[in-house]
């Protein structure tokens, strides 16, 4: 599989092809957004274009990955000139594990099926339609624009107004809307969707607000991933020791919605097909440390890895030092 990273040294940006244990710099592009646009305009595959741009200039990956180089990892996708033209969103209740976690949060009794479980059941029954058919819509949520994306090693923030912050180990699809208004899938990346689970637990109607937080991607974008059944792991480290870990599975075989069905229901909206926009869409999680009763603390490191998706994504947790303040609005009248 073809894997790319975005890196930066001061004001210099670069795109590189991962050829372990080195990074091969690409010629003539400084962002994957630019690379994807060139592939669309030239009507050749992204994989083929990458091969034509590979140079003989290499960098050692280890020091960059470990934060010991002047080169720093960026998120594996961004809209460099207009970050607000990147929509970050996601789909929930796509994995059996996610439904169990949600049921534990919100169920008044095991005998009563709550709205989350009803929606999950609809997905099981109609989330994988026959080719060319439209299936049932999955749960959809908005996270923010491209300014919320964080790179590997960057902290994920718990704002002063929030009650908690916890990892959500997922894979995210990355898309460019071409000039003709048709979305193109650039690839996929490891993601930490990151949410406020305590706030959500109070009432499932808090889900929307619990999602508007920073999130992380990377370090690598995989152009042509295998997404049938993908094994992975998530863990929480505290002071260098693992306090929670779990082996996880994702991919279409592990989900109640097909990739095509998720993509259709995201891009069926005309406003999601604006030429020149980027989209990052999280496909859902199957296990949470919060569901296991783990309370994350400042400085904890969240690590997520999936086979075939390159090196693991690691981000520390950071709590805001200030207190929540009233946002007072003045009238222009």
C-alpha atoms as a PDB file:
ATOM      1  CA  UNK A   1       0.000   0.000   0.000  1.00  0.00           C
ATOM      2  CA  UNK A   2       1.177   3.515  -0.810  1.00  0.00           C
ATOM      3  CA  UNK A   3       1.634   5.612   2.328  1.00  0.00           C
ATOM      4  CA  UNK A   4       2.366   9.342   2.478  1.00  0.00           C
ATOM      5  CA  UNK A   5       3.226  11.875   5.171  1.00  0.00           C
ATOM      6  CA  UNK A   6       3.213  15.656   5.316  1.00  0.00           C
ATOM      7  CA  UNK A   7       6.165  17.261   7.109  1.00  0.00           C
ATOM      8  CA  UNK A   8       7.379  20.766   7.851  1.00  0.00           C
ATOM      9  CA  UNK A   9      10.720  22.364   8.732  1.00  0.00           C
ATOM     10  CA  UNK A  10      10.235  26.013   9.655  1.00  0.00           C
ATOM     11  CA  UNK A  11       8.309  27.507   6.739  1.00  0.00           C
ATOM     12  CA  UNK A  12       9.247  24.672   4.380  1.00  0.00           C
ATOM     13  CA  UNK A  13       6.634  22.002   3.762  1.00  0.00           C
ATOM     14  CA  UNK A  14       7.070  18.690   1.972  1.00  0.00           C
ATOM     15  CA  UNK A  15       5.228  15.506   1.061  1.00  0.00           C
ATOM     16  CA  UNK A  16       7.079  12.206   1.367  1.00  0.00           C
ATOM     17  CA  UNK A  17       6.491   8.595   0.422  1.00  0.00           C
ATOM     18  CA  UNK A  18       7.040   6.175   3.303  1.00  0.00           C
ATOM     19  CA  UNK A  19       9.738   3.638   2.428  1.00  0.00           C
ATOM     20  CA  UNK A  20      10.653   2.290   5.858  1.00  0.00           C
ATOM     21  CA  UNK A  21      12.864   3.236   7.568  1.00  0.00           C
ATOM     22  CA  UNK A  22      13.134   6.316   5.360  1.00  0.00           C
ATOM     23  CA  UNK A  23      10.937   8.969   3.824  1.00  0.00           C
ATOM     24  CA  UNK A  24      11.327   9.645   0.108  1.00  0.00           C
ATOM     25  CA  UNK A  25      10.613  13.294  -0.693  1.00  0.00           C
ATOM     26  CA  UNK A  26       8.273  14.054  -3.591  1.00  0.00           C
ATOM     27  CA  UNK A  27       9.083  16.698  -6.169  1.00  0.00           C
ATOM     28  CA  UNK A  28       6.863  19.629  -7.066  1.00  0.00           C
ATOM     29  CA  UNK A  29       4.253  19.422  -4.282  1.00  0.00           C
ATOM     30  CA  UNK A  30       4.119  20.692  -0.719  1.00  0.00           C
ATOM     31  CA  UNK A  31       0.759  19.246   0.319  1.00  0.00           C
ATOM     32  CA  UNK A  32      -1.283  16.123  -0.308  1.00  0.00           C
ATOM     33  CA  UNK A  33      -4.175  18.438  -1.176  1.00  0.00           C
ATOM     34  CA  UNK A  34      -2.086  19.811  -4.060  1.00  0.00           C
ATOM     35  CA  UNK A  35      -1.013  16.297  -5.050  1.00  0.00           C
ATOM     36  CA  UNK A  36      -4.634  15.094  -5.166  1.00  0.00           C
ATOM     37  CA  UNK A  37      -5.683  18.083  -7.263  1.00  0.00           C
ATOM     38  CA  UNK A  38      -2.914  17.316  -9.754  1.00  0.00           C
ATOM     39  CA  UNK A  39      -4.058  13.696  -9.983  1.00  0.00           C
ATOM     40  CA  UNK A  40      -7.617  14.799 -10.773  1.00  0.00           C
ATOM     41  CA  UNK A  41      -6.507  17.425 -13.298  1.00  0.00           C
ATOM     42  CA  UNK A  42      -4.089  15.085 -15.063  1.00  0.00           C
ATOM     43  CA  UNK A  43      -6.568  12.179 -15.038  1.00  0.00           C
ATOM     44  CA  UNK A  44      -4.017   9.676 -13.722  1.00  0.00           C
ATOM     45  CA  UNK A  45      -4.138   7.620 -10.561  1.00  0.00           C
ATOM     46  CA  UNK A  46      -2.736   9.081  -7.380  1.00  0.00           C
ATOM     47  CA  UNK A  47      -0.450   6.059  -6.935  1.00  0.00           C
ATOM     48  CA  UNK A  48       1.008   6.524 -10.415  1.00  0.00           C
ATOM     49  CA  UNK A  49       1.488  10.249  -9.841  1.00  0.00           C
ATOM     50  CA  UNK A  50       3.379   9.602  -6.607  1.00  0.00           C
ATOM     51  CA  UNK A  51       5.780   7.306  -8.442  1.00  0.00           C
ATOM     52  CA  UNK A  52       6.538   9.965 -11.043  1.00  0.00           C
ATOM     53  CA  UNK A  53       7.328  12.491  -8.311  1.00  0.00           C
ATOM     54  CA  UNK A  54       9.553  10.287  -6.131  1.00  0.00           C
ATOM     55  CA  UNK A  55      13.094  11.676  -5.827  1.00  0.00           C
ATOM     56  CA  UNK A  56      16.446  10.418  -4.576  1.00  0.00           C
ATOM     57  CA  UNK A  57      16.199  12.675  -1.534  1.00  0.00           C
ATOM     58  CA  UNK A  58      15.555  10.722   1.659  1.00  0.00           C
ATOM     59  CA  UNK A  59      15.051  11.530   5.339  1.00  0.00           C
ATOM     60  CA  UNK A  60      15.316   9.165   8.314  1.00  0.00           C
ATOM     61  CA  UNK A  61      11.787   8.509   9.582  1.00  0.00           C
ATOM     62  CA  UNK A  62      12.612   7.608  13.201  1.00  0.00           C
ATOM     63  CA  UNK A  63      13.785  11.038  14.469  1.00  0.00           C
ATOM     64  CA  UNK A  64      10.876  12.770  12.733  1.00  0.00           C
ATOM     65  CA  UNK A  65       8.347  10.318  14.167  1.00  0.00           C
ATOM     66  CA  UNK A  66       9.869  10.623  17.650  1.00  0.00           C
ATOM     67  CA  UNK A  67       9.929  14.423  17.588  1.00  0.00           C
ATOM     68  CA  UNK A  68      13.735  14.596  17.539  1.00  0.00           C
ATOM     69  CA  UNK A  69      14.201  16.350  14.196  1.00  0.00           C
ATOM     70  CA  UNK A  70      13.809  19.840  12.797  1.00  0.00           C
ATOM     71  CA  UNK A  71      11.260  18.237  10.485  1.00  0.00           C
ATOM     72  CA  UNK A  72       7.867  17.861  12.189  1.00  0.00           C
ATOM     73  CA  UNK A  73       4.940  15.687  11.216  1.00  0.00           C
ATOM     74  CA  UNK A  74       1.797  17.483  10.119  1.00  0.00           C
ATOM     75  CA  UNK A  75      -1.661  15.932   9.919  1.00  0.00           C
ATOM     76  CA  UNK A  76      -1.624  13.799   6.746  1.00  0.00           C
ATOM     77  CA  UNK A  77      -4.204  16.094   5.136  1.00  0.00           C
ATOM     78  CA  UNK A  78      -5.023  19.777   5.370  1.00  0.00           C
ATOM     79  CA  UNK A  79      -6.279  22.620   3.210  1.00  0.00           C
ATOM     80  CA  UNK A  80      -3.132  24.784   3.462  1.00  0.00           C
ATOM     81  CA  UNK A  81      -4.569  28.063   2.188  1.00  0.00           C
ATOM     82  CA  UNK A  82      -8.088  27.760   3.622  1.00  0.00           C
ATOM     83  CA  UNK A  83      -8.280  25.339   6.583  1.00  0.00           C
ATOM     84  CA  UNK A  84     -11.956  26.160   7.071  1.00  0.00           C
ATOM     85  CA  UNK A  85     -12.660  24.452   3.732  1.00  0.00           C
ATOM     86  CA  UNK A  86     -12.015  21.075   5.340  1.00  0.00           C
ATOM     87  CA  UNK A  87     -15.119  19.567   6.959  1.00  0.00           C
ATOM     88  CA  UNK A  88     -14.477  17.089   9.787  1.00  0.00           C
ATOM     89  CA  UNK A  89     -17.363  14.741  10.582  1.00  0.00           C
ATOM     90  CA  UNK A  90     -18.093  11.152  11.487  1.00  0.00           C
ATOM     91  CA  UNK A  91     -20.463   8.231  11.567  1.00  0.00           C
ATOM     92  CA  UNK A  92     -21.395   6.425  14.779  1.00  0.00           C
ATOM     93  CA  UNK A  93     -23.030   3.126  15.683  1.00  0.00           C
ATOM     94  CA  UNK A  94     -21.231   1.415  12.818  1.00  0.00           C
ATOM     95  CA  UNK A  95     -19.529  -1.286  14.944  1.00  0.00           C
ATOM     96  CA  UNK A  96     -21.100  -3.784  17.342  1.00  0.00           C
ATOM     97  CA  UNK A  97     -18.770  -2.580  20.087  1.00  0.00           C
ATOM     98  CA  UNK A  98     -19.879   1.024  19.687  1.00  0.00           C
ATOM     99  CA  UNK A  99     -23.507   0.024  20.147  1.00  0.00           C
ATOM    100  CA  UNK A 100     -22.662  -1.872  23.332  1.00  0.00           C
ATOM    101  CA  UNK A 101     -20.772   1.122  24.711  1.00  0.00           C
ATOM    102  CA  UNK A 102     -23.641   3.467  23.912  1.00  0.00           C
ATOM    103  CA  UNK A 103     -26.174   1.075  25.446  1.00  0.00           C
ATOM    104  CA  UNK A 104     -24.165   0.952  28.660  1.00  0.00           C
ATOM    105  CA  UNK A 105     -24.124   4.741  28.802  1.00  0.00           C
ATOM    106  CA  UNK A 106     -27.794   5.407  28.197  1.00  0.00           C
ATOM    107  CA  UNK A 107     -29.890   2.326  28.911  1.00  0.00           C
ATOM    108  CA  UNK A 108     -32.296   2.533  31.819  1.00  0.00           C
ATOM    109  CA  UNK A 109     -32.780  -1.215  31.775  1.00  0.00           C
ATOM    110  CA  UNK A 110     -31.373  -4.080  29.726  1.00  0.00           C
ATOM    111  CA  UNK A 111     -34.880  -5.045  28.623  1.00  0.00           C
ATOM    112  CA  UNK A 112     -35.560  -1.634  27.096  1.00  0.00           C
ATOM    113  CA  UNK A 113     -34.047  -0.867  23.693  1.00  0.00           C
ATOM    114  CA  UNK A 114     -32.998   2.773  23.601  1.00  0.00           C
ATOM    115  CA  UNK A 115     -32.808   4.957  20.501  1.00  0.00           C
ATOM    116  CA  UNK A 116     -29.123   4.164  19.976  1.00  0.00           C
ATOM    117  CA  UNK A 117     -29.778   0.440  19.883  1.00  0.00           C
ATOM    118  CA  UNK A 118     -32.743   0.952  17.564  1.00  0.00           C
ATOM    119  CA  UNK A 119     -30.528   2.857  15.147  1.00  0.00           C
ATOM    120  CA  UNK A 120     -27.854   0.193  15.374  1.00  0.00           C
ATOM    121  CA  UNK A 121     -30.484  -2.462  14.604  1.00  0.00           C
ATOM    122  CA  UNK A 122     -31.563  -0.514  11.516  1.00  0.00           C
ATOM    123  CA  UNK A 123     -27.933  -0.506  10.390  1.00  0.00           C
ATOM    124  CA  UNK A 124     -27.643  -4.267  10.830  1.00  0.00           C
ATOM    125  CA  UNK A 125     -30.801  -4.762   8.783  1.00  0.00           C
ATOM    126  CA  UNK A 126     -30.198  -2.194   6.044  1.00  0.00           C
ATOM    127  CA  UNK A 127     -26.689  -0.754   6.224  1.00  0.00           C
ATOM    128  CA  UNK A 128     -25.199  -2.966   3.520  1.00  0.00           C
ATOM    129  CA  UNK A 129     -27.475  -2.637   0.486  1.00  0.00           C
ATOM    130  CA  UNK A 130     -26.896  -4.458  -2.791  1.00  0.00           C
ATOM    131  CA  UNK A 131     -24.588  -2.708  -5.281  1.00  0.00           C
ATOM    132  CA  UNK A 132     -26.326   0.284  -6.832  1.00  0.00           C
ATOM    133  CA  UNK A 133     -28.926   0.468  -4.064  1.00  0.00           C
ATOM    134  CA  UNK A 134     -29.263   2.965  -1.192  1.00  0.00           C
ATOM    135  CA  UNK A 135     -29.273   1.618   2.342  1.00  0.00           C
ATOM    136  CA  UNK A 136     -30.465   3.036   5.653  1.00  0.00           C
ATOM    137  CA  UNK A 137     -28.748   6.217   6.837  1.00  0.00           C
ATOM    138  CA  UNK A 138     -26.210   5.866   9.659  1.00  0.00           C
ATOM    139  CA  UNK A 139     -25.851   8.231  12.593  1.00  0.00           C
ATOM    140  CA  UNK A 140     -23.903  11.327  11.456  1.00  0.00           C
ATOM    141  CA  UNK A 141     -22.155  13.997  13.499  1.00  0.00           C
ATOM    142  CA  UNK A 142     -20.196  17.187  12.895  1.00  0.00           C
ATOM    143  CA  UNK A 143     -16.834  17.755  14.581  1.00  0.00           C
ATOM    144  CA  UNK A 144     -15.580  21.019  13.122  1.00  0.00           C
ATOM    145  CA  UNK A 145     -13.447  22.418  10.329  1.00  0.00           C
ATOM    146  CA  UNK A 146      -9.813  21.747   9.519  1.00  0.00           C
ATOM    147  CA  UNK A 147      -8.535  23.951  12.333  1.00  0.00           C
ATOM    148  CA  UNK A 148      -9.343  21.172  14.841  1.00  0.00           C
ATOM    149  CA  UNK A 149      -7.008  18.623  13.213  1.00  0.00           C
ATOM    150  CA  UNK A 150      -3.894  17.773  15.208  1.00  0.00           C
ATOM    151  CA  UNK A 151      -0.725  16.022  14.125  1.00  0.00           C
ATOM    152  CA  UNK A 152       0.938  13.057  15.838  1.00  0.00           C
ATOM    153  CA  UNK A 153       2.569  14.049  19.145  1.00  0.00           C
ATOM    154  CA  UNK A 154       0.415  17.179  19.442  1.00  0.00           C
ATOM    155  CA  UNK A 155      -1.873  17.342  22.495  1.00  0.00           C
ATOM    156  CA  UNK A 156      -5.611  16.836  22.272  1.00  0.00           C
ATOM    157  CA  UNK A 157      -7.338  19.424  24.418  1.00  0.00           C
ATOM    158  CA  UNK A 158     -10.040  19.206  27.056  1.00  0.00           C
ATOM    159  CA  UNK A 159     -11.531  22.746  27.083  1.00  0.00           C
ATOM    160  CA  UNK A 160     -12.366  24.536  30.324  1.00  0.00           C
ATOM    161  CA  UNK A 161     -16.091  24.037  29.727  1.00  0.00           C
ATOM    162  CA  UNK A 162     -15.746  20.288  29.070  1.00  0.00           C
ATOM    163  CA  UNK A 163     -16.198  17.491  31.578  1.00  0.00           C
ATOM    164  CA  UNK A 164     -13.813  14.950  30.101  1.00  0.00           C
ATOM    165  CA  UNK A 165     -11.809  13.883  27.083  1.00  0.00           C
ATOM    166  CA  UNK A 166     -11.276  10.372  25.812  1.00  0.00           C
ATOM    167  CA  UNK A 167      -9.836   8.549  22.835  1.00  0.00           C
ATOM    168  CA  UNK A 168     -11.868   7.023  20.031  1.00  0.00           C
ATOM    169  CA  UNK A 169      -9.700   4.720  17.924  1.00  0.00           C
ATOM    170  CA  UNK A 170     -10.915   4.856  14.330  1.00  0.00           C
ATOM    171  CA  UNK A 171      -9.989   4.994  10.684  1.00  0.00           C
ATOM    172  CA  UNK A 172     -10.989   8.127   8.781  1.00  0.00           C
ATOM    173  CA  UNK A 173     -11.703   8.551   5.092  1.00  0.00           C
ATOM    174  CA  UNK A 174     -10.147  11.568   3.364  1.00  0.00           C
ATOM    175  CA  UNK A 175     -11.843  13.120   0.332  1.00  0.00           C
ATOM    176  CA  UNK A 176     -11.421  15.900  -2.215  1.00  0.00           C
ATOM    177  CA  UNK A 177     -14.408  17.341  -4.047  1.00  0.00           C
ATOM    178  CA  UNK A 178     -13.224  17.787  -7.632  1.00  0.00           C
ATOM    179  CA  UNK A 179     -14.055  20.738  -9.869  1.00  0.00           C
ATOM    180  CA  UNK A 180     -16.950  18.756 -11.372  1.00  0.00           C
ATOM    181  CA  UNK A 181     -18.580  18.456  -7.920  1.00  0.00           C
ATOM    182  CA  UNK A 182     -17.848  14.745  -7.609  1.00  0.00           C
ATOM    183  CA  UNK A 183     -16.023  13.591  -4.467  1.00  0.00           C
ATOM    184  CA  UNK A 184     -12.838  11.543  -4.835  1.00  0.00           C
ATOM    185  CA  UNK A 185     -11.446   9.399  -2.038  1.00  0.00           C
ATOM    186  CA  UNK A 186      -7.779  10.327  -1.556  1.00  0.00           C
ATOM    187  CA  UNK A 187      -7.234   7.590   1.016  1.00  0.00           C
ATOM    188  CA  UNK A 188      -7.588   6.751   4.684  1.00  0.00           C
ATOM    189  CA  UNK A 189      -5.661   7.408   7.885  1.00  0.00           C
ATOM    190  CA  UNK A 190      -5.572   6.343  11.507  1.00  0.00           C
ATOM    191  CA  UNK A 191      -7.625   8.727  13.606  1.00  0.00           C
ATOM    192  CA  UNK A 192      -8.304   9.603  17.221  1.00  0.00           C
ATOM    193  CA  UNK A 193     -11.779  11.082  17.013  1.00  0.00           C
ATOM    194  CA  UNK A 194     -11.679  12.215  20.686  1.00  0.00           C
ATOM    195  CA  UNK A 195     -14.872  13.127  22.526  1.00  0.00           C
ATOM    196  CA  UNK A 196     -16.307  14.191  25.885  1.00  0.00           C
ATOM    197  CA  UNK A 197     -17.899  10.937  27.031  1.00  0.00           C
ATOM    198  CA  UNK A 198     -18.928  12.187  30.484  1.00  0.00           C
ATOM    199  CA  UNK A 199     -20.990  14.956  28.918  1.00  0.00           C
ATOM    200  CA  UNK A 200     -22.554  12.516  26.454  1.00  0.00           C
ATOM    201  CA  UNK A 201     -23.368  10.020  29.196  1.00  0.00           C
ATOM    202  CA  UNK A 202     -25.676  12.495  30.920  1.00  0.00           C
ATOM    203  CA  UNK A 203     -28.037  12.361  27.941  1.00  0.00           C
ATOM    204  CA  UNK A 204     -27.535  10.993  24.440  1.00  0.00           C
ATOM    205  CA  UNK A 205     -28.823  14.327  23.066  1.00  0.00           C
ATOM    206  CA  UNK A 206     -25.496  15.756  24.271  1.00  0.00           C
ATOM    207  CA  UNK A 207     -23.730  13.683  21.616  1.00  0.00           C
ATOM    208  CA  UNK A 208     -23.531  16.574  19.136  1.00  0.00           C
ATOM    209  CA  UNK A 209     -21.854  18.924  21.603  1.00  0.00           C
ATOM    210  CA  UNK A 210     -19.546  16.224  22.939  1.00  0.00           C
ATOM    211  CA  UNK A 211     -18.010  15.808  19.477  1.00  0.00           C
ATOM    212  CA  UNK A 212     -16.923  19.411  18.888  1.00  0.00           C
ATOM    213  CA  UNK A 213     -13.337  18.930  20.057  1.00  0.00           C
ATOM    214  CA  UNK A 214      -9.851  18.639  18.620  1.00  0.00           C
ATOM    215  CA  UNK A 215      -8.962  15.327  16.982  1.00  0.00           C
ATOM    216  CA  UNK A 216      -5.857  13.729  15.495  1.00  0.00           C
ATOM    217  CA  UNK A 217      -4.901  12.007  12.257  1.00  0.00           C
ATOM    218  CA  UNK A 218      -1.854  10.173  11.035  1.00  0.00           C
ATOM    219  CA  UNK A 219       0.941   9.967  10.878  1.00  0.00           C
ATOM    220  CA  UNK A 220       0.357   8.452   7.440  1.00  0.00           C
ATOM    221  CA  UNK A 221      -2.246   8.687   4.707  1.00  0.00           C
ATOM    222  CA  UNK A 222      -2.779   5.366   2.933  1.00  0.00           C
ATOM    223  CA  UNK A 223      -3.830   5.835  -0.679  1.00  0.00           C
ATOM    224  CA  UNK A 224      -4.999   2.293  -1.412  1.00  0.00           C
ATOM    225  CA  UNK A 225      -5.816   0.591   1.895  1.00  0.00           C
ATOM    226  CA  UNK A 226      -7.317  -2.810   2.463  1.00  0.00           C
ATOM    227  CA  UNK A 227     -10.517  -2.086   4.407  1.00  0.00           C
ATOM    228  CA  UNK A 228     -12.297  -5.430   4.648  1.00  0.00           C
ATOM    229  CA  UNK A 229     -11.127  -6.445   8.116  1.00  0.00           C
ATOM    230  CA  UNK A 230      -8.433  -4.385   9.798  1.00  0.00           C
ATOM    231  CA  UNK A 231      -6.892  -5.423  13.098  1.00  0.00           C
ATOM    232  CA  UNK A 232      -5.560  -2.828  15.494  1.00  0.00           C
ATOM    233  CA  UNK A 233      -5.009  -1.826  19.073  1.00  0.00           C
ATOM    234  CA  UNK A 234      -5.603   1.114  21.359  1.00  0.00           C
ATOM    235  CA  UNK A 235      -3.835   1.846  24.619  1.00  0.00           C
ATOM    236  CA  UNK A 236      -3.412   4.498  27.276  1.00  0.00           C
ATOM    237  CA  UNK A 237      -0.003   5.189  28.789  1.00  0.00           C
ATOM    238  CA  UNK A 238       0.471   7.027  32.070  1.00  0.00           C
ATOM    239  CA  UNK A 239       3.972   7.931  33.226  1.00  0.00           C
ATOM    240  CA  UNK A 240       5.384   5.374  30.788  1.00  0.00           C
ATOM    241  CA  UNK A 241       3.151   2.509  31.937  1.00  0.00           C
ATOM    242  CA  UNK A 242       0.150   1.048  30.127  1.00  0.00           C
ATOM    243  CA  UNK A 243      -3.034   1.533  32.177  1.00  0.00           C
ATOM    244  CA  UNK A 244      -5.445   0.207  29.531  1.00  0.00           C
ATOM    245  CA  UNK A 245      -5.153  -1.569  26.201  1.00  0.00           C
ATOM    246  CA  UNK A 246      -7.424  -3.456  23.858  1.00  0.00           C
ATOM    247  CA  UNK A 247      -7.134  -5.301  20.563  1.00  0.00           C
ATOM    248  CA  UNK A 248      -9.709  -3.951  18.121  1.00  0.00           C
ATOM    249  CA  UNK A 249     -11.129  -4.672  14.673  1.00  0.00           C
ATOM    250  CA  UNK A 250     -12.535  -2.335  12.070  1.00  0.00           C
ATOM    251  CA  UNK A 251     -13.303  -2.482   8.367  1.00  0.00           C
ATOM    252  CA  UNK A 252     -16.400  -3.387   6.404  1.00  0.00           C
ATOM    253  CA  UNK A 253     -16.556  -6.988   7.624  1.00  0.00           C
ATOM    254  CA  UNK A 254     -16.677  -5.717  11.213  1.00  0.00           C
ATOM    255  CA  UNK A 255     -19.300  -3.046  10.547  1.00  0.00           C
ATOM    256  CA  UNK A 256     -23.036  -2.944   9.956  1.00  0.00           C
ATOM    257  CA  UNK A 257     -22.704  -0.280   7.241  1.00  0.00           C
ATOM    258  CA  UNK A 258     -20.766  -0.638   4.019  1.00  0.00           C
ATOM    259  CA  UNK A 259     -18.220   1.984   3.059  1.00  0.00           C
ATOM    260  CA  UNK A 260     -20.280   2.838  -0.036  1.00  0.00           C
ATOM    261  CA  UNK A 261     -23.382   3.400   2.103  1.00  0.00           C
ATOM    262  CA  UNK A 262     -21.525   5.651   4.562  1.00  0.00           C
ATOM    263  CA  UNK A 263     -20.031   7.662   1.715  1.00  0.00           C
ATOM    264  CA  UNK A 264     -23.369   8.024  -0.075  1.00  0.00           C
ATOM    265  CA  UNK A 265     -25.152   9.349   3.001  1.00  0.00           C
ATOM    266  CA  UNK A 266     -22.369  11.848   3.674  1.00  0.00           C
ATOM    267  CA  UNK A 267     -22.100  13.182   0.149  1.00  0.00           C
ATOM    268  CA  UNK A 268     -25.798  13.076  -0.751  1.00  0.00           C
ATOM    269  CA  UNK A 269     -26.017  16.600   0.655  1.00  0.00           C
ATOM    270  CA  UNK A 270     -25.304  19.201  -2.010  1.00  0.00           C
ATOM    271  CA  UNK A 271     -23.442  21.356   0.509  1.00  0.00           C
ATOM    272  CA  UNK A 272     -20.989  18.462   0.959  1.00  0.00           C
ATOM    273  CA  UNK A 273     -20.106  18.500  -2.737  1.00  0.00           C
ATOM    274  CA  UNK A 274     -18.644  21.973  -3.061  1.00  0.00           C
ATOM    275  CA  UNK A 275     -15.704  21.909  -5.516  1.00  0.00           C
ATOM    276  CA  UNK A 276     -12.321  22.389  -3.863  1.00  0.00           C
ATOM    277  CA  UNK A 277     -13.407  21.283  -0.385  1.00  0.00           C
ATOM    278  CA  UNK A 278     -11.721  18.564   1.652  1.00  0.00           C
ATOM    279  CA  UNK A 279     -13.602  16.152   3.905  1.00  0.00           C
ATOM    280  CA  UNK A 280     -12.314  14.048   6.795  1.00  0.00           C
ATOM    281  CA  UNK A 281     -14.916  11.489   7.881  1.00  0.00           C
ATOM    282  CA  UNK A 282     -14.429   9.130  10.829  1.00  0.00           C
ATOM    283  CA  UNK A 283     -15.932   5.662  10.353  1.00  0.00           C
ATOM    284  CA  UNK A 284     -16.638   4.821  13.997  1.00  0.00           C
ATOM    285  CA  UNK A 285     -15.026   3.103  16.967  1.00  0.00           C
ATOM    286  CA  UNK A 286     -15.550  -0.324  18.480  1.00  0.00           C
ATOM    287  CA  UNK A 287     -13.913   0.151  21.908  1.00  0.00           C
ATOM    288  CA  UNK A 288     -13.329   2.999  24.343  1.00  0.00           C
ATOM    289  CA  UNK A 289     -11.232   3.162  27.490  1.00  0.00           C
ATOM    290  CA  UNK A 290     -14.141   5.151  28.961  1.00  0.00           C
ATOM    291  CA  UNK A 291     -16.393   2.131  28.426  1.00  0.00           C
ATOM    292  CA  UNK A 292     -13.940   0.146  30.576  1.00  0.00           C
ATOM    293  CA  UNK A 293     -14.178   2.682  33.384  1.00  0.00           C
ATOM    294  CA  UNK A 294     -10.821   4.365  32.726  1.00  0.00           C
ATOM    295  CA  UNK A 295     -10.581   8.043  33.674  1.00  0.00           C
ATOM    296  CA  UNK A 296      -7.933   9.786  31.569  1.00  0.00           C
ATOM    297  CA  UNK A 297      -5.638  12.295  33.255  1.00  0.00           C
ATOM    298  CA  UNK A 298      -3.496  15.172  32.023  1.00  0.00           C
ATOM    299  CA  UNK A 299      -0.354  13.880  30.340  1.00  0.00           C
ATOM    300  CA  UNK A 300      -1.796  10.474  29.471  1.00  0.00           C
ATOM    301  CA  UNK A 301      -0.713   9.340  26.013  1.00  0.00           C
ATOM    302  CA  UNK A 302      -3.307   7.810  23.707  1.00  0.00           C
ATOM    303  CA  UNK A 303      -1.841   5.405  21.135  1.00  0.00           C
ATOM    304  CA  UNK A 304      -3.775   3.923  18.222  1.00  0.00           C
ATOM    305  CA  UNK A 305      -2.484   1.566  15.553  1.00  0.00           C
ATOM    306  CA  UNK A 306      -4.004  -0.409  12.680  1.00  0.00           C
ATOM    307  CA  UNK A 307      -2.290  -3.049  10.562  1.00  0.00           C
ATOM    308  CA  UNK A 308      -1.408  -1.756   7.111  1.00  0.00           C
ATOM    309  CA  UNK A 309      -1.832   1.897   8.085  1.00  0.00           C
ATOM    310  CA  UNK A 310       1.759   2.643   9.016  1.00  0.00           C
ATOM    311  CA  UNK A 311       3.120   3.788  12.325  1.00  0.00           C
ATOM    312  CA  UNK A 312       0.912   4.311  15.349  1.00  0.00           C
ATOM    313  CA  UNK A 313      -0.776   7.610  16.177  1.00  0.00           C
ATOM    314  CA  UNK A 314       0.276   8.978  19.571  1.00  0.00           C
ATOM    315  CA  UNK A 315      -1.139  12.083  21.272  1.00  0.00           C
ATOM    316  CA  UNK A 316      -0.969  13.329  24.861  1.00  0.00           C
ATOM    317  CA  UNK A 317      -4.011  14.616  26.719  1.00  0.00           C
ATOM    318  CA  UNK A 318      -4.024  18.248  27.874  1.00  0.00           C
ATOM    319  CA  UNK A 319      -6.532  19.978  30.151  1.00  0.00           C
ATOM    320  CA  UNK A 320      -7.177  23.710  29.889  1.00  0.00           C
ATOM    321  CA  UNK A 321      -5.630  25.623  32.781  1.00  0.00           C
ATOM    322  CA  UNK A 322      -8.222  28.400  32.841  1.00  0.00           C
ATOM    323  CA  UNK A 323     -11.836  28.181  33.967  1.00  0.00           C
ATOM    324  CA  UNK A 324     -14.928  28.330  31.816  1.00  0.00           C
ATOM    325  CA  UNK A 325     -15.922  31.912  31.016  1.00  0.00           C
ATOM    326  CA  UNK A 326     -19.201  33.332  29.854  1.00  0.00           C
ATOM    327  CA  UNK A 327     -19.220  34.231  26.159  1.00  0.00           C
ATOM    328  CA  UNK A 328     -21.163  37.500  26.227  1.00  0.00           C
ATOM    329  CA  UNK A 329     -22.554  38.692  22.889  1.00  0.00           C
ATOM    330  CA  UNK A 330     -23.006  42.395  22.100  1.00  0.00           C
ATOM    331  CA  UNK A 331     -25.710  43.544  19.774  1.00  0.00           C
ATOM    332  CA  UNK A 332     -24.898  45.624  16.722  1.00  0.00           C
ATOM    333  CA  UNK A 333     -28.234  47.441  17.047  1.00  0.00           C
END
